[in-house]
Amino acid sequence: MKHTISVLVENKPGVLARIAGLFSARGFNIDSLSVGRTEDPTISEMTVVAEGDEHILEQIAKQLYKLIDVIKVEDLTKAKIEFIERELILVRLKISSDEEKKFQQIAEKIGAQILKRSEDVLIAEVVGEQNKIDTALDLLKQFDIQRIFRTGKIAMKL
């Protein structure tokens, strides 16, 4: 089962490496990792998505608490806490004038926003839950995708 874990940490150099190392040392692959400052610039929040046994992830949480820079750890999935999650993709597409109308229809359907447009290239963004992002990517495959940048998941409990 995939777990979405929120980790509140002090915003200091090396904290991210120590936390990623802790997962790695226990044989867990991090599926997604996002980190950013909170409203307090001395504190950052990490959203870590990892797949694994509940018991082992509990042990990882206990180990995280032993790290001096960790303030709080919450497994949002396990606790059945209501939370909002989002991902973002930026996609650069080569679009001919003939494809423009078809792209506009798809963009409306998936909620894509066009950020930049030149004569034959555009950059669009899509924000949403993982299944929405996956659907958007499937629909956009019919165009000439030149580059995709996908963020990790961010999550916030209610």
Protein backbone atom coordinates (compact mmCIF):
# COMPACT_ATOMS: atom_id res chain seq x y z
CA MET A 1 0.00 0.00 0.00
CA LYS A 2 1.20 3.50 -0.81
CA HIS A 3 1.55 5.82 2.16
CA THR A 4 1.55 9.61 2.06
CA ILE A 5 3.71 10.85 4.91
CA SER A 6 3.95 14.46 6.04
CA VAL A 7 7.22 15.39 7.76
CA LEU A 8 7.67 18.80 9.36
CA VAL A 9 11.38 19.64 9.65
CA GLU A 10 13.70 22.49 10.49
CA ASN A 11 14.79 24.24 7.31
CA LYS A 12 18.51 23.43 7.48
CA PRO A 13 21.08 22.04 5.04
CA GLY A 14 21.36 18.25 4.96
CA VAL A 15 17.93 17.44 6.43
CA LEU A 16 16.54 16.18 3.12
CA ALA A 17 19.58 13.93 2.57
CA ARG A 18 19.31 12.41 6.05
CA ILE A 19 15.60 11.66 5.64
CA ALA A 20 16.03 10.17 2.15
CA GLY A 21 18.95 8.13 3.50
CA LEU A 22 16.79 6.75 6.28
CA PHE A 23 14.27 5.39 3.75
CA SER A 24 17.05 4.06 1.52
CA ALA A 25 18.86 2.32 4.39
CA ARG A 26 15.69 0.35 5.11
CA GLY A 27 15.22 -0.69 1.50
CA PHE A 28 12.31 1.62 0.68
CA ASN A 29 12.03 3.44 -2.59
CA ILE A 30 10.54 6.91 -2.35
CA ASP A 31 7.89 7.15 -5.07
CA SER A 32 7.49 10.89 -4.65
CA LEU A 33 9.18 13.56 -2.56
CA SER A 34 8.32 17.23 -2.33
CA VAL A 35 9.67 19.75 0.11
CA GLY A 36 9.11 23.44 0.60
CA ARG A 37 9.07 26.17 3.19
CA THR A 38 5.98 26.71 5.29
CA GLU A 39 4.56 30.03 6.47
CA ASP A 40 7.54 30.04 8.89
CA PRO A 41 10.76 30.27 6.81
CA THR A 42 12.69 28.27 9.44
CA ILE A 43 10.41 25.23 8.92
CA SER A 44 9.84 23.10 5.83
CA GLU A 45 7.23 20.46 5.14
CA MET A 46 8.05 17.31 3.23
CA THR A 47 5.52 15.09 1.55
CA VAL A 48 6.93 11.60 1.06
CA VAL A 49 5.07 8.88 -0.82
CA ALA A 50 6.41 5.37 -0.29
CA GLU A 51 4.98 1.92 -0.72
CA GLY A 52 5.39 -0.64 1.96
CA ASP A 53 4.27 -2.65 4.90
CA GLU A 54 2.51 -0.64 7.62
CA HIS A 55 4.71 -2.05 10.38
CA ILE A 56 7.95 -1.08 8.61
CA LEU A 57 6.64 2.42 7.87
CA GLU A 58 5.82 2.80 11.57
CA GLN A 59 9.45 1.93 12.32
CA ILE A 60 10.62 4.52 9.80
CA ALA A 61 8.42 7.13 11.50
CA LYS A 62 10.01 6.26 14.85
CA GLN A 63 13.46 6.57 13.29
CA LEU A 64 12.52 9.92 11.74
CA TYR A 65 11.61 11.24 15.17
CA LYS A 66 15.14 10.41 16.31
CA LEU A 67 16.58 12.85 13.78
CA ILE A 68 17.21 16.13 15.58
CA ASP A 69 15.73 18.33 12.82
CA VAL A 70 12.40 16.47 12.59
CA ILE A 71 9.50 18.23 14.32
CA LYS A 72 6.48 16.08 13.39
CA VAL A 73 5.72 12.97 11.33
CA GLU A 74 2.23 11.96 10.17
CA ASP A 75 1.28 9.05 7.95
CA LEU A 76 -1.78 10.67 6.41
CA THR A 77 -2.86 7.45 4.72
CA LYS A 78 -2.66 5.23 7.78
CA ALA A 79 -4.36 7.67 10.12
CA LYS A 80 -7.24 7.98 7.64
CA ILE A 81 -6.89 11.73 8.00
CA GLU A 82 -8.82 13.70 5.41
CA PHE A 83 -6.30 15.47 3.22
CA ILE A 84 -5.95 17.14 -0.14
CA GLU A 85 -3.22 16.04 -2.53
CA ARG A 86 -2.00 17.58 -5.74
CA GLU A 87 0.63 17.12 -8.42
CA LEU A 88 1.65 19.46 -11.21
CA ILE A 89 2.90 18.75 -14.71
CA LEU A 90 4.36 21.14 -17.22
CA VAL A 91 4.25 19.82 -20.79
CA ARG A 92 5.94 21.32 -23.82
CA LEU A 93 4.12 20.32 -27.00
CA LYS A 94 4.77 20.95 -30.63
CA ILE A 95 1.32 21.85 -32.00
CA SER A 96 0.48 22.57 -35.62
CA SER A 97 -2.26 25.01 -36.46
CA ASP A 98 -4.37 22.04 -37.59
CA GLU A 99 -4.11 20.48 -34.11
CA GLU A 100 -4.92 23.65 -32.20
CA LYS A 101 -8.68 23.15 -31.99
CA LYS A 102 -8.30 19.52 -30.90
CA PHE A 103 -5.78 20.58 -28.23
CA GLN A 104 -8.16 23.28 -26.95
CA GLN A 105 -10.93 20.70 -26.51
CA ILE A 106 -8.63 18.36 -24.60
CA ALA A 107 -7.21 21.23 -22.52
CA GLU A 108 -10.73 22.21 -21.48
CA LYS A 109 -11.57 18.60 -20.61
CA ILE A 110 -8.46 18.12 -18.40
CA GLY A 111 -8.29 21.64 -16.99
CA ALA A 112 -4.98 22.48 -18.65
CA GLN A 113 -3.78 26.06 -18.69
CA ILE A 114 -1.59 27.35 -21.52
CA LEU A 115 1.33 29.22 -19.96
CA LYS A 116 3.33 30.16 -23.07
CA ARG A 117 2.65 29.92 -26.78
CA SER A 118 4.85 30.47 -29.80
CA GLU A 119 4.12 29.75 -33.43
CA ASP A 120 4.32 25.96 -33.14
CA VAL A 121 5.18 25.21 -29.49
CA LEU A 122 3.22 25.66 -26.30
CA ILE A 123 3.75 24.97 -22.63
CA ALA A 124 0.72 23.84 -20.65
CA GLU A 125 0.21 23.00 -17.02
CA VAL A 126 -2.18 20.59 -15.37
CA VAL A 127 -2.73 20.43 -11.61
CA GLY A 128 -4.65 17.71 -9.83
CA GLU A 129 -4.70 14.36 -8.13
CA GLN A 130 -2.53 11.58 -9.53
CA ASN A 131 -5.33 9.98 -11.59
CA LYS A 132 -6.12 13.33 -13.25
CA ILE A 133 -2.46 13.84 -14.13
CA ASP A 134 -2.21 10.30 -15.53
CA THR A 135 -5.36 10.84 -17.63
CA ALA A 136 -4.03 14.16 -18.91
CA LEU A 137 -0.75 12.57 -19.97
CA ASP A 138 -2.60 9.78 -21.79
CA LEU A 139 -4.72 12.31 -23.69
CA LEU A 140 -1.74 14.49 -24.57
CA LYS A 141 0.22 11.56 -26.06
CA GLN A 142 -1.54 12.13 -29.38
CA PHE A 143 0.47 15.35 -29.78
CA ASP A 144 4.21 15.76 -30.23
CA ILE A 145 5.35 15.93 -26.59
CA GLN A 146 8.80 17.45 -26.44
CA ARG A 147 9.26 17.51 -22.67
CA ILE A 148 7.36 16.66 -19.49
CA PHE A 149 8.18 17.87 -16.01
CA ARG A 150 6.17 16.29 -13.19
CA THR A 151 6.38 17.34 -9.57
CA GLY A 152 6.02 15.04 -6.64
CA LYS A 153 2.81 14.93 -4.67
CA ILE A 154 2.08 17.59 -2.07
CA ALA A 155 -0.51 16.96 0.60
CA MET A 156 -2.26 19.02 3.27
CA LYS A 157 -4.59 17.70 5.91
CA LEU A 158 -7.86 19.47 6.60
